Amino acid sequence: MRQVWRLLLLVVAVLVAGCSAAGGEASPPDQARSGIPPRPHEVRIDGVDPCSLLTAEQRAELGLDGRPVFDAAPVALYGGADVPLCAIRGFQPRAVAVGISVVTSAGMELYTSGDLAAEVRPVQVRGFPAVVALPTRFTGYCSVIVDVAPGQLLDVQFRDGGRNPPISRDQLCRDAEQVAEIAMGTLIASR
């Protein structure tokens, strides 16, 4: 499973063709926030275990019956920094997987620069600016990226588990947004 998520993060890294923030340095606080609405407040995620963001009850409600698996590996998309990731699979009633990453090496500007090979549309998650990112070449998953603090973001990826018929991309995005809402609720309550 660890290799599957690393591969998925590698696929996401492909999206950053020529992105100005590809060097991985977090921009100074709120510099270059062109087009990004303000946050209601900062929610720093330094040291947060992404596997702590969904309770067992919440995972059950989301159909995520697999055991949460923690990993931290370098991610090129986020400047090669080690990014803590929690991967959780669901088998019943449908085959799905979610990856929740707490990124402290890149900010929202990475997703709003216009340099991604993805459709990016703005949304809000618990009042925080966020985007839904849909890669133009890969259709089996959807990402929701939440701007939590300067140079920090919550990255939620929801993907199809491979059964037929496949889960629609619209449904994957709704599920990713739901997971992001729950995870942000946990973060806000704990800070």
N, C-alpha and C. Protein backbone atom coordinates (compact mmCIF):
# COMPACT_ATOMS: atom_id res chain seq x y z
N MET A 1 0.83 -1.18 0.00
CA MET A 1 0.00 0.00 0.00
C MET A 1 0.88 1.25 0.00
N ARG A 2 1.98 1.21 0.74
CA ARG A 2 2.88 2.35 0.81
C ARG A 2 3.35 2.73 -0.59
N GLN A 3 3.69 1.73 -1.41
CA GLN A 3 4.17 2.04 -2.76
C GLN A 3 3.05 2.62 -3.62
N VAL A 4 1.81 2.20 -3.40
CA VAL A 4 0.69 2.76 -4.15
C VAL A 4 0.55 4.25 -3.88
N TRP A 5 0.66 4.65 -2.60
CA TRP A 5 0.52 6.07 -2.27
C TRP A 5 1.71 6.87 -2.75
N ARG A 6 2.90 6.29 -2.69
CA ARG A 6 4.06 7.01 -3.22
C ARG A 6 3.90 7.22 -4.72
N LEU A 7 3.37 6.19 -5.41
CA LEU A 7 3.13 6.32 -6.85
C LEU A 7 2.08 7.41 -7.10
N LEU A 8 1.02 7.43 -6.30
CA LEU A 8 -0.01 8.46 -6.47
C LEU A 8 0.57 9.85 -6.25
N LEU A 9 1.41 10.01 -5.23
CA LEU A 9 2.04 11.31 -5.01
C LEU A 9 2.98 11.67 -6.15
N LEU A 10 3.62 10.66 -6.74
CA LEU A 10 4.48 10.91 -7.91
C LEU A 10 3.62 11.40 -9.08
N VAL A 11 2.46 10.80 -9.26
CA VAL A 11 1.54 11.24 -10.32
C VAL A 11 1.15 12.70 -10.09
N VAL A 12 0.85 13.04 -8.85
CA VAL A 12 0.50 14.42 -8.54
C VAL A 12 1.68 15.33 -8.86
N ALA A 13 2.89 14.87 -8.60
CA ALA A 13 4.08 15.68 -8.89
C ALA A 13 4.20 15.99 -10.38
N VAL A 14 3.72 15.09 -11.21
CA VAL A 14 3.75 15.33 -12.66
C VAL A 14 2.92 16.56 -13.02
N LEU A 15 1.95 16.88 -12.19
CA LEU A 15 1.08 18.01 -12.45
C LEU A 15 1.81 19.35 -12.42
N VAL A 16 2.97 19.38 -11.82
CA VAL A 16 3.63 20.64 -11.54
C VAL A 16 4.61 21.03 -12.64
N ALA A 17 4.35 20.72 -13.83
CA ALA A 17 5.25 21.05 -14.93
C ALA A 17 5.54 22.54 -14.97
N GLY A 18 6.75 22.90 -14.59
CA GLY A 18 7.18 24.29 -14.68
C GLY A 18 6.63 25.21 -13.62
N CYS A 19 6.08 24.69 -12.53
CA CYS A 19 5.51 25.55 -11.50
C CYS A 19 6.59 26.37 -10.83
N SER A 20 6.32 27.64 -10.61
CA SER A 20 7.31 28.55 -10.03
C SER A 20 7.68 28.17 -8.61
N ALA A 21 6.83 27.45 -7.90
CA ALA A 21 7.16 27.07 -6.53
C ALA A 21 7.77 25.68 -6.48
N ALA A 22 8.15 25.12 -7.60
CA ALA A 22 8.67 23.76 -7.63
C ALA A 22 9.93 23.59 -6.83
N GLY A 23 10.65 24.65 -6.53
CA GLY A 23 11.83 24.55 -5.70
C GLY A 23 11.50 24.12 -4.29
N GLY A 24 10.24 24.19 -3.92
CA GLY A 24 9.78 23.67 -2.65
C GLY A 24 9.91 24.63 -1.49
N GLU A 25 10.43 25.81 -1.71
CA GLU A 25 10.54 26.75 -0.61
C GLU A 25 9.18 27.37 -0.35
N ALA A 26 8.81 27.37 0.88
CA ALA A 26 7.54 28.01 1.23
C ALA A 26 7.71 29.52 1.05
N SER A 27 6.68 30.12 0.50
CA SER A 27 6.76 31.57 0.31
C SER A 27 6.69 32.25 1.67
N PRO A 28 7.24 33.45 1.79
CA PRO A 28 7.11 34.18 3.05
C PRO A 28 5.63 34.31 3.39
N PRO A 29 5.33 34.52 4.67
CA PRO A 29 3.93 34.54 5.08
C PRO A 29 3.06 35.42 4.18
N ASP A 30 2.09 34.77 3.59
CA ASP A 30 1.06 35.39 2.78
C ASP A 30 1.56 36.26 1.62
N GLN A 31 2.81 36.10 1.24
CA GLN A 31 3.31 36.80 0.04
C GLN A 31 2.79 36.03 -1.17
N ALA A 32 2.49 36.71 -2.23
CA ALA A 32 2.03 36.11 -3.49
C ALA A 32 0.72 35.36 -3.32
N ARG A 33 -0.22 35.89 -2.55
CA ARG A 33 -1.51 35.23 -2.33
C ARG A 33 -2.55 35.71 -3.32
N SER A 34 -2.11 36.16 -4.45
CA SER A 34 -3.00 36.67 -5.48
C SER A 34 -4.15 35.69 -5.73
N GLY A 35 -5.34 36.18 -5.54
CA GLY A 35 -6.52 35.38 -5.84
C GLY A 35 -6.92 34.40 -4.76
N ILE A 36 -6.16 34.30 -3.67
CA ILE A 36 -6.52 33.38 -2.60
C ILE A 36 -7.22 34.17 -1.50
N PRO A 37 -8.45 33.80 -1.17
CA PRO A 37 -9.16 34.51 -0.10
C PRO A 37 -8.41 34.36 1.23
N PRO A 38 -8.65 35.27 2.16
CA PRO A 38 -7.97 35.15 3.46
C PRO A 38 -8.51 33.97 4.27
N ARG A 39 -7.66 33.43 5.12
CA ARG A 39 -8.07 32.38 6.05
C ARG A 39 -8.80 33.03 7.23
N PRO A 40 -9.73 32.33 7.86
CA PRO A 40 -10.36 32.89 9.06
C PRO A 40 -9.34 33.03 10.20
N HIS A 41 -8.37 32.13 10.25
CA HIS A 41 -7.24 32.16 11.18
C HIS A 41 -6.25 31.09 10.73
N GLU A 42 -5.08 31.05 11.33
CA GLU A 42 -4.09 30.04 10.99
C GLU A 42 -4.31 28.79 11.82
N VAL A 43 -4.11 27.64 11.20
CA VAL A 43 -4.10 26.37 11.90
C VAL A 43 -2.79 25.69 11.53
N ARG A 44 -1.77 25.89 12.35
CA ARG A 44 -0.46 25.31 12.08
C ARG A 44 -0.54 23.79 12.22
N ILE A 45 0.14 23.08 11.31
CA ILE A 45 0.06 21.62 11.31
C ILE A 45 1.42 20.96 11.57
N ASP A 46 2.39 21.73 12.04
CA ASP A 46 3.68 21.14 12.40
C ASP A 46 3.47 20.03 13.42
N GLY A 47 4.02 18.85 13.13
CA GLY A 47 3.95 17.74 14.08
C GLY A 47 2.63 17.01 14.15
N VAL A 48 1.66 17.37 13.32
CA VAL A 48 0.35 16.70 13.35
C VAL A 48 0.47 15.33 12.67
N ASP A 49 -0.06 14.31 13.32
CA ASP A 49 -0.14 12.97 12.75
C ASP A 49 -1.40 12.92 11.89
N PRO A 50 -1.27 12.76 10.56
CA PRO A 50 -2.46 12.76 9.71
C PRO A 50 -3.43 11.63 10.04
N CYS A 51 -2.95 10.56 10.66
CA CYS A 51 -3.84 9.45 11.02
C CYS A 51 -4.73 9.80 12.21
N SER A 52 -4.45 10.92 12.88
CA SER A 52 -5.27 11.34 14.02
C SER A 52 -6.46 12.20 13.59
N LEU A 53 -6.56 12.50 12.29
CA LEU A 53 -7.57 13.46 11.83
C LEU A 53 -8.95 12.86 11.57
N LEU A 54 -9.03 11.53 11.51
CA LEU A 54 -10.33 10.85 11.37
C LEU A 54 -10.45 9.82 12.48
N THR A 55 -11.53 9.89 13.25
CA THR A 55 -11.75 8.89 14.29
C THR A 55 -12.22 7.58 13.65
N ALA A 56 -12.21 6.51 14.44
CA ALA A 56 -12.69 5.22 13.94
C ALA A 56 -14.15 5.32 13.51
N GLU A 57 -14.96 6.06 14.27
CA GLU A 57 -16.37 6.24 13.91
C GLU A 57 -16.51 7.00 12.59
N GLN A 58 -15.72 8.05 12.41
CA GLN A 58 -15.77 8.82 11.17
C GLN A 58 -15.33 7.97 9.98
N ARG A 59 -14.28 7.17 10.18
CA ARG A 59 -13.82 6.29 9.09
C ARG A 59 -14.93 5.31 8.71
N ALA A 60 -15.61 4.76 9.70
CA ALA A 60 -16.71 3.81 9.43
C ALA A 60 -17.83 4.49 8.64
N GLU A 61 -18.18 5.72 9.03
CA GLU A 61 -19.23 6.45 8.31
C GLU A 61 -18.84 6.73 6.86
N LEU A 62 -17.54 6.89 6.61
CA LEU A 62 -17.04 7.17 5.26
C LEU A 62 -16.81 5.89 4.45
N GLY A 63 -17.03 4.72 5.06
CA GLY A 63 -16.80 3.46 4.36
C GLY A 63 -15.32 3.11 4.27
N LEU A 64 -14.52 3.62 5.19
CA LEU A 64 -13.08 3.34 5.22
C LEU A 64 -12.84 2.31 6.31
N ASP A 65 -12.94 1.03 5.93
CA ASP A 65 -12.84 -0.03 6.92
C ASP A 65 -11.44 -0.62 7.04
N GLY A 66 -10.50 -0.14 6.27
CA GLY A 66 -9.12 -0.60 6.37
C GLY A 66 -8.40 0.08 7.52
N ARG A 67 -7.27 -0.48 7.90
CA ARG A 67 -6.45 0.08 8.98
C ARG A 67 -5.69 1.29 8.47
N PRO A 68 -5.68 2.41 9.19
CA PRO A 68 -4.89 3.57 8.78
C PRO A 68 -3.40 3.22 8.77
N VAL A 69 -2.70 3.61 7.72
CA VAL A 69 -1.27 3.33 7.58
C VAL A 69 -0.53 4.65 7.46
N PHE A 70 0.39 4.91 8.39
CA PHE A 70 1.18 6.14 8.39
C PHE A 70 2.46 5.92 7.58
N ASP A 71 2.86 6.95 6.86
CA ASP A 71 4.13 6.93 6.14
C ASP A 71 4.61 8.38 6.05
N ALA A 72 5.89 8.55 5.91
CA ALA A 72 6.47 9.87 5.65
C ALA A 72 7.58 9.64 4.64
N ALA A 73 7.45 10.27 3.49
CA ALA A 73 8.42 10.07 2.42
C ALA A 73 8.63 11.39 1.69
N PRO A 74 9.79 11.54 1.04
CA PRO A 74 10.01 12.76 0.25
C PRO A 74 9.02 12.83 -0.91
N VAL A 75 8.46 14.02 -1.13
CA VAL A 75 7.51 14.23 -2.22
C VAL A 75 8.03 15.37 -3.09
N ALA A 76 8.33 15.06 -4.33
CA ALA A 76 8.89 16.06 -5.25
C ALA A 76 7.98 17.28 -5.40
N LEU A 77 6.68 17.05 -5.46
CA LEU A 77 5.72 18.14 -5.59
C LEU A 77 5.89 19.17 -4.49
N TYR A 78 6.25 18.70 -3.30
CA TYR A 78 6.39 19.58 -2.15
C TYR A 78 7.86 19.83 -1.81
N GLY A 79 8.68 19.99 -2.85
CA GLY A 79 10.07 20.37 -2.68
C GLY A 79 10.98 19.26 -2.19
N GLY A 80 10.56 18.02 -2.29
CA GLY A 80 11.38 16.90 -1.85
C GLY A 80 11.36 16.70 -0.34
N ALA A 81 10.55 17.47 0.37
CA ALA A 81 10.45 17.33 1.82
C ALA A 81 9.70 16.06 2.18
N ASP A 82 10.02 15.50 3.34
CA ASP A 82 9.25 14.38 3.86
C ASP A 82 7.86 14.89 4.21
N VAL A 83 6.85 14.22 3.70
CA VAL A 83 5.46 14.62 3.94
C VAL A 83 4.75 13.49 4.68
N PRO A 84 4.27 13.75 5.90
CA PRO A 84 3.50 12.75 6.62
C PRO A 84 2.18 12.46 5.89
N LEU A 85 1.89 11.18 5.72
CA LEU A 85 0.71 10.72 4.98
C LEU A 85 0.01 9.63 5.76
N CYS A 86 -1.31 9.67 5.78
CA CYS A 86 -2.10 8.57 6.31
C CYS A 86 -2.94 8.02 5.17
N ALA A 87 -2.77 6.75 4.88
CA ALA A 87 -3.53 6.08 3.83
C ALA A 87 -4.53 5.11 4.46
N ILE A 88 -5.78 5.21 4.01
CA ILE A 88 -6.84 4.35 4.55
C ILE A 88 -7.67 3.83 3.39
N ARG A 89 -7.87 2.54 3.36
CA ARG A 89 -8.67 1.93 2.30
C ARG A 89 -10.08 1.62 2.81
N GLY A 90 -10.99 1.50 1.85
CA GLY A 90 -12.34 1.06 2.14
C GLY A 90 -12.67 -0.08 1.19
N PHE A 91 -13.32 -1.12 1.69
CA PHE A 91 -13.63 -2.27 0.85
C PHE A 91 -15.13 -2.49 0.72
N GLN A 92 -15.90 -2.16 1.74
CA GLN A 92 -17.34 -2.34 1.72
C GLN A 92 -18.01 -1.04 2.14
N PRO A 93 -18.96 -0.54 1.47
CA PRO A 93 -19.68 -1.14 0.36
C PRO A 93 -19.03 -0.89 -1.00
N ARG A 94 -17.94 -0.15 -1.04
CA ARG A 94 -17.26 0.12 -2.30
C ARG A 94 -15.76 0.16 -2.05
N ALA A 95 -15.00 -0.04 -3.10
CA ALA A 95 -13.54 -0.02 -2.99
C ALA A 95 -13.04 1.40 -3.25
N VAL A 96 -12.46 2.00 -2.20
CA VAL A 96 -11.94 3.36 -2.27
C VAL A 96 -10.68 3.45 -1.42
N ALA A 97 -9.98 4.56 -1.53
CA ALA A 97 -8.84 4.83 -0.67
C ALA A 97 -8.72 6.33 -0.50
N VAL A 98 -8.29 6.73 0.68
CA VAL A 98 -8.06 8.15 0.95
C VAL A 98 -6.63 8.30 1.44
N GLY A 99 -6.00 9.39 1.03
CA GLY A 99 -4.70 9.76 1.54
C GLY A 99 -4.80 11.16 2.11
N ILE A 100 -4.39 11.31 3.36
CA ILE A 100 -4.41 12.61 4.01
C ILE A 100 -2.96 12.98 4.32
N SER A 101 -2.51 14.09 3.77
CA SER A 101 -1.14 14.55 4.01
C SER A 101 -1.16 15.91 4.69
N VAL A 102 -0.24 16.10 5.64
CA VAL A 102 -0.04 17.39 6.27
C VAL A 102 1.28 17.94 5.72
N VAL A 103 1.18 18.99 4.94
CA VAL A 103 2.32 19.53 4.19
C VAL A 103 2.78 20.83 4.85
N THR A 104 4.03 20.85 5.27
CA THR A 104 4.59 22.04 5.91
C THR A 104 5.69 22.67 5.08
N SER A 105 5.81 22.25 3.82
CA SER A 105 6.89 22.74 2.96
C SER A 105 6.39 23.47 1.71
N ALA A 106 5.09 23.68 1.60
CA ALA A 106 4.53 24.37 0.42
C ALA A 106 3.20 24.98 0.79
N GLY A 107 2.89 26.08 0.13
CA GLY A 107 1.63 26.75 0.39
C GLY A 107 0.65 26.62 -0.76
N MET A 108 -0.52 27.19 -0.57
CA MET A 108 -1.60 27.13 -1.54
C MET A 108 -1.22 27.70 -2.90
N GLU A 109 -0.25 28.62 -2.92
CA GLU A 109 0.16 29.25 -4.17
C GLU A 109 0.58 28.23 -5.21
N LEU A 110 1.07 27.09 -4.77
CA LEU A 110 1.45 26.01 -5.67
C LEU A 110 0.26 25.59 -6.54
N TYR A 111 -0.92 25.62 -5.97
CA TYR A 111 -2.12 25.17 -6.67
C TYR A 111 -2.87 26.29 -7.38
N THR A 112 -2.55 27.53 -7.07
CA THR A 112 -3.28 28.63 -7.69
C THR A 112 -2.43 29.40 -8.71
N SER A 113 -1.24 28.90 -9.00
CA SER A 113 -0.32 29.59 -9.91
C SER A 113 -0.76 29.51 -11.36
N GLY A 114 -1.62 28.54 -11.69
CA GLY A 114 -2.04 28.34 -13.08
C GLY A 114 -1.07 27.49 -13.87
N ASP A 115 -0.05 26.94 -13.22
CA ASP A 115 0.96 26.15 -13.91
C ASP A 115 0.75 24.65 -13.81
N LEU A 116 -0.37 24.21 -13.28
CA LEU A 116 -0.63 22.78 -13.13
C LEU A 116 -1.33 22.21 -14.35
N ALA A 117 -1.06 20.96 -14.63
CA ALA A 117 -1.79 20.25 -15.68
C ALA A 117 -3.04 19.65 -15.02
N ALA A 118 -3.88 20.56 -14.53
CA ALA A 118 -5.07 20.13 -13.80
C ALA A 118 -6.11 21.22 -13.86
N GLU A 119 -7.35 20.79 -13.74
CA GLU A 119 -8.45 21.74 -13.53
C GLU A 119 -8.45 22.04 -12.04
N VAL A 120 -8.42 23.31 -11.70
CA VAL A 120 -8.42 23.71 -10.30
C VAL A 120 -9.58 24.67 -10.10
N ARG A 121 -10.45 24.31 -9.15
CA ARG A 121 -11.57 25.21 -8.87
C ARG A 121 -11.60 25.53 -7.38
N PRO A 122 -11.87 26.78 -7.06
CA PRO A 122 -11.87 27.17 -5.65
C PRO A 122 -13.11 26.66 -4.92
N VAL A 123 -12.90 26.30 -3.66
CA VAL A 123 -13.98 25.92 -2.75
C VAL A 123 -13.59 26.46 -1.37
N GLN A 124 -14.46 26.25 -0.42
CA GLN A 124 -14.13 26.55 0.97
C GLN A 124 -14.36 25.30 1.79
N VAL A 125 -13.46 25.09 2.76
CA VAL A 125 -13.59 23.97 3.69
C VAL A 125 -13.54 24.56 5.09
N ARG A 126 -14.68 24.51 5.79
CA ARG A 126 -14.79 25.09 7.13
C ARG A 126 -14.36 26.55 7.17
N GLY A 127 -14.65 27.27 6.09
CA GLY A 127 -14.32 28.69 6.02
C GLY A 127 -12.91 28.98 5.54
N PHE A 128 -12.10 27.94 5.31
CA PHE A 128 -10.73 28.12 4.84
C PHE A 128 -10.70 28.02 3.32
N PRO A 129 -9.84 28.83 2.66
CA PRO A 129 -9.72 28.72 1.21
C PRO A 129 -9.16 27.35 0.85
N ALA A 130 -9.72 26.79 -0.20
CA ALA A 130 -9.31 25.46 -0.65
C ALA A 130 -9.53 25.37 -2.15
N VAL A 131 -8.98 24.33 -2.74
CA VAL A 131 -9.22 24.05 -4.15
C VAL A 131 -9.50 22.57 -4.33
N VAL A 132 -10.28 22.28 -5.34
CA VAL A 132 -10.44 20.91 -5.83
C VAL A 132 -9.54 20.83 -7.06
N ALA A 133 -8.62 19.88 -7.06
CA ALA A 133 -7.68 19.73 -8.17
C ALA A 133 -7.95 18.41 -8.90
N LEU A 134 -8.25 18.54 -10.20
CA LEU A 134 -8.53 17.39 -11.05
C LEU A 134 -7.46 17.30 -12.13
N PRO A 135 -6.58 16.31 -12.06
CA PRO A 135 -5.56 16.18 -13.10
C PRO A 135 -6.20 15.97 -14.46
N THR A 136 -5.61 16.55 -15.48
CA THR A 136 -6.18 16.41 -16.82
C THR A 136 -5.91 15.04 -17.43
N ARG A 137 -4.88 14.35 -16.98
CA ARG A 137 -4.53 13.05 -17.57
C ARG A 137 -4.94 11.84 -16.76
N PHE A 138 -5.27 12.01 -15.51
CA PHE A 138 -5.61 10.88 -14.66
C PHE A 138 -6.99 11.12 -14.07
N THR A 139 -7.87 10.12 -14.18
CA THR A 139 -9.26 10.34 -13.78
C THR A 139 -9.69 9.55 -12.56
N GLY A 140 -8.86 8.71 -12.00
CA GLY A 140 -9.28 7.83 -10.92
C GLY A 140 -9.20 8.42 -9.53
N TYR A 141 -8.92 9.73 -9.43
CA TYR A 141 -8.89 10.33 -8.11
C TYR A 141 -9.18 11.82 -8.18
N CYS A 142 -9.40 12.38 -7.00
CA CYS A 142 -9.66 13.81 -6.87
C CYS A 142 -8.96 14.29 -5.60
N SER A 143 -8.39 15.49 -5.67
CA SER A 143 -7.70 16.06 -4.51
C SER A 143 -8.39 17.33 -4.04
N VAL A 144 -8.39 17.52 -2.74
CA VAL A 144 -8.83 18.78 -2.14
C VAL A 144 -7.66 19.28 -1.31
N ILE A 145 -7.26 20.51 -1.59
CA ILE A 145 -6.11 21.13 -0.93
C ILE A 145 -6.64 22.31 -0.11
N VAL A 146 -6.32 22.32 1.19
CA VAL A 146 -6.82 23.35 2.09
C VAL A 146 -5.66 24.20 2.58
N ASP A 147 -5.81 25.51 2.46
CA ASP A 147 -4.83 26.49 2.91
C ASP A 147 -5.00 26.71 4.41
N VAL A 148 -4.09 26.13 5.23
CA VAL A 148 -4.26 26.19 6.68
C VAL A 148 -3.41 27.25 7.37
N ALA A 149 -2.26 27.58 6.78
CA ALA A 149 -1.33 28.55 7.38
C ALA A 149 -0.32 28.93 6.30
N PRO A 150 0.43 30.01 6.49
CA PRO A 150 1.44 30.37 5.50
C PRO A 150 2.42 29.21 5.28
N GLY A 151 2.55 28.81 4.02
CA GLY A 151 3.47 27.73 3.67
C GLY A 151 3.05 26.36 4.15
N GLN A 152 1.77 26.18 4.49
CA GLN A 152 1.28 24.89 4.97
C GLN A 152 -0.09 24.60 4.36
N LEU A 153 -0.34 23.31 4.10
CA LEU A 153 -1.63 22.92 3.56
C LEU A 153 -1.99 21.50 3.94
N LEU A 154 -3.27 21.23 3.89
CA LEU A 154 -3.80 19.89 4.09
C LEU A 154 -4.15 19.36 2.70
N ASP A 155 -3.64 18.19 2.35
CA ASP A 155 -3.83 17.58 1.04
C ASP A 155 -4.63 16.30 1.23
N VAL A 156 -5.85 16.26 0.72
CA VAL A 156 -6.71 15.08 0.81
C VAL A 156 -6.92 14.53 -0.59
N GLN A 157 -6.55 13.28 -0.79
CA GLN A 157 -6.76 12.62 -2.08
C GLN A 157 -7.72 11.45 -1.86
N PHE A 158 -8.74 11.40 -2.70
CA PHE A 158 -9.72 10.32 -2.63
C PHE A 158 -9.69 9.60 -3.96
N ARG A 159 -9.49 8.29 -3.94
CA ARG A 159 -9.37 7.57 -5.21
C ARG A 159 -10.25 6.34 -5.26
N ASP A 160 -10.53 5.96 -6.48
CA ASP A 160 -11.29 4.77 -6.79
C ASP A 160 -10.43 3.55 -6.48
N GLY A 161 -11.05 2.52 -5.93
CA GLY A 161 -10.33 1.30 -5.57
C GLY A 161 -10.24 0.26 -6.67
N GLY A 162 -10.82 0.52 -7.84
CA GLY A 162 -10.62 -0.36 -8.97
C GLY A 162 -11.73 -1.33 -9.31
N ARG A 163 -12.85 -1.27 -8.65
CA ARG A 163 -13.95 -2.16 -9.03
C ARG A 163 -14.72 -1.59 -10.20
N ASN A 164 -15.55 -2.45 -10.83
CA ASN A 164 -16.42 -1.99 -11.92
C ASN A 164 -17.85 -1.95 -11.41
N PRO A 165 -18.62 -0.96 -11.77
CA PRO A 165 -18.20 0.20 -12.54
C PRO A 165 -17.35 1.13 -11.67
N PRO A 166 -16.50 1.94 -12.30
CA PRO A 166 -15.69 2.87 -11.52
C PRO A 166 -16.57 3.95 -10.88
N ILE A 167 -16.04 4.52 -9.81
CA ILE A 167 -16.74 5.61 -9.13
C ILE A 167 -16.54 6.88 -9.95
N SER A 168 -17.60 7.64 -10.13
CA SER A 168 -17.51 8.85 -10.94
C SER A 168 -16.56 9.85 -10.29
N ARG A 169 -15.96 10.66 -11.11
CA ARG A 169 -15.04 11.69 -10.62
C ARG A 169 -15.77 12.71 -9.74
N ASP A 170 -17.00 13.03 -10.10
CA ASP A 170 -17.79 13.94 -9.26
C ASP A 170 -17.97 13.38 -7.86
N GLN A 171 -18.24 12.07 -7.77
CA GLN A 171 -18.41 11.43 -6.46
C GLN A 171 -17.09 11.42 -5.70
N LEU A 172 -15.99 11.14 -6.38
CA LEU A 172 -14.68 11.15 -5.72
C LEU A 172 -14.39 12.54 -5.14
N CYS A 173 -14.75 13.58 -5.87
CA CYS A 173 -14.53 14.95 -5.38
C CYS A 173 -15.43 15.27 -4.20
N ARG A 174 -16.68 14.83 -4.24
CA ARG A 174 -17.57 15.04 -3.09
C ARG A 174 -17.01 14.33 -1.86
N ASP A 175 -16.51 13.11 -2.06
CA ASP A 175 -15.94 12.35 -0.95
C ASP A 175 -14.67 13.03 -0.42
N ALA A 176 -13.83 13.53 -1.31
CA ALA A 176 -12.61 14.23 -0.89
C ALA A 176 -12.97 15.48 -0.08
N GLU A 177 -13.98 16.21 -0.54
CA GLU A 177 -14.41 17.40 0.20
C GLU A 177 -14.96 17.03 1.58
N GLN A 178 -15.70 15.93 1.66
CA GLN A 178 -16.25 15.49 2.94
C GLN A 178 -15.12 15.12 3.91
N VAL A 179 -14.12 14.39 3.42
CA VAL A 179 -12.99 14.02 4.28
C VAL A 179 -12.24 15.28 4.72
N ALA A 180 -12.05 16.22 3.81
CA ALA A 180 -11.37 17.47 4.16
C ALA A 180 -12.14 18.23 5.23
N GLU A 181 -13.47 18.29 5.12
CA GLU A 181 -14.30 18.95 6.13
C GLU A 181 -14.11 18.32 7.50
N ILE A 182 -14.14 17.00 7.55
CA ILE A 182 -14.00 16.30 8.83
C ILE A 182 -12.60 16.51 9.39
N ALA A 183 -11.57 16.35 8.56
CA ALA A 183 -10.19 16.52 9.02
C ALA A 183 -9.95 17.94 9.52
N MET A 184 -10.47 18.94 8.81
CA MET A 184 -10.31 20.32 9.26
C MET A 184 -11.05 20.56 10.58
N GLY A 185 -12.21 19.93 10.74
CA GLY A 185 -12.93 20.05 12.01
C GLY A 185 -12.08 19.54 13.17
N THR A 186 -11.40 18.42 12.96
CA THR A 186 -10.51 17.87 13.97
C THR A 186 -9.34 18.81 14.25
N LEU A 187 -8.74 19.33 13.17
CA LEU A 187 -7.60 20.25 13.33
C LEU A 187 -8.01 21.50 14.10
N ILE A 188 -9.13 22.10 13.71
CA ILE A 188 -9.59 23.34 14.35
C ILE A 188 -9.87 23.08 15.84
N ALA A 189 -10.51 21.96 16.14
CA ALA A 189 -10.87 21.65 17.53
C ALA A 189 -9.62 21.39 18.39
N SER A 190 -8.55 20.90 17.77
CA SER A 190 -7.36 20.54 18.54
C SER A 190 -6.37 21.68 18.70
N ARG A 191 -6.62 22.81 18.04
CA ARG A 191 -5.64 23.91 18.08
C ARG A 191 -6.14 25.04 18.92
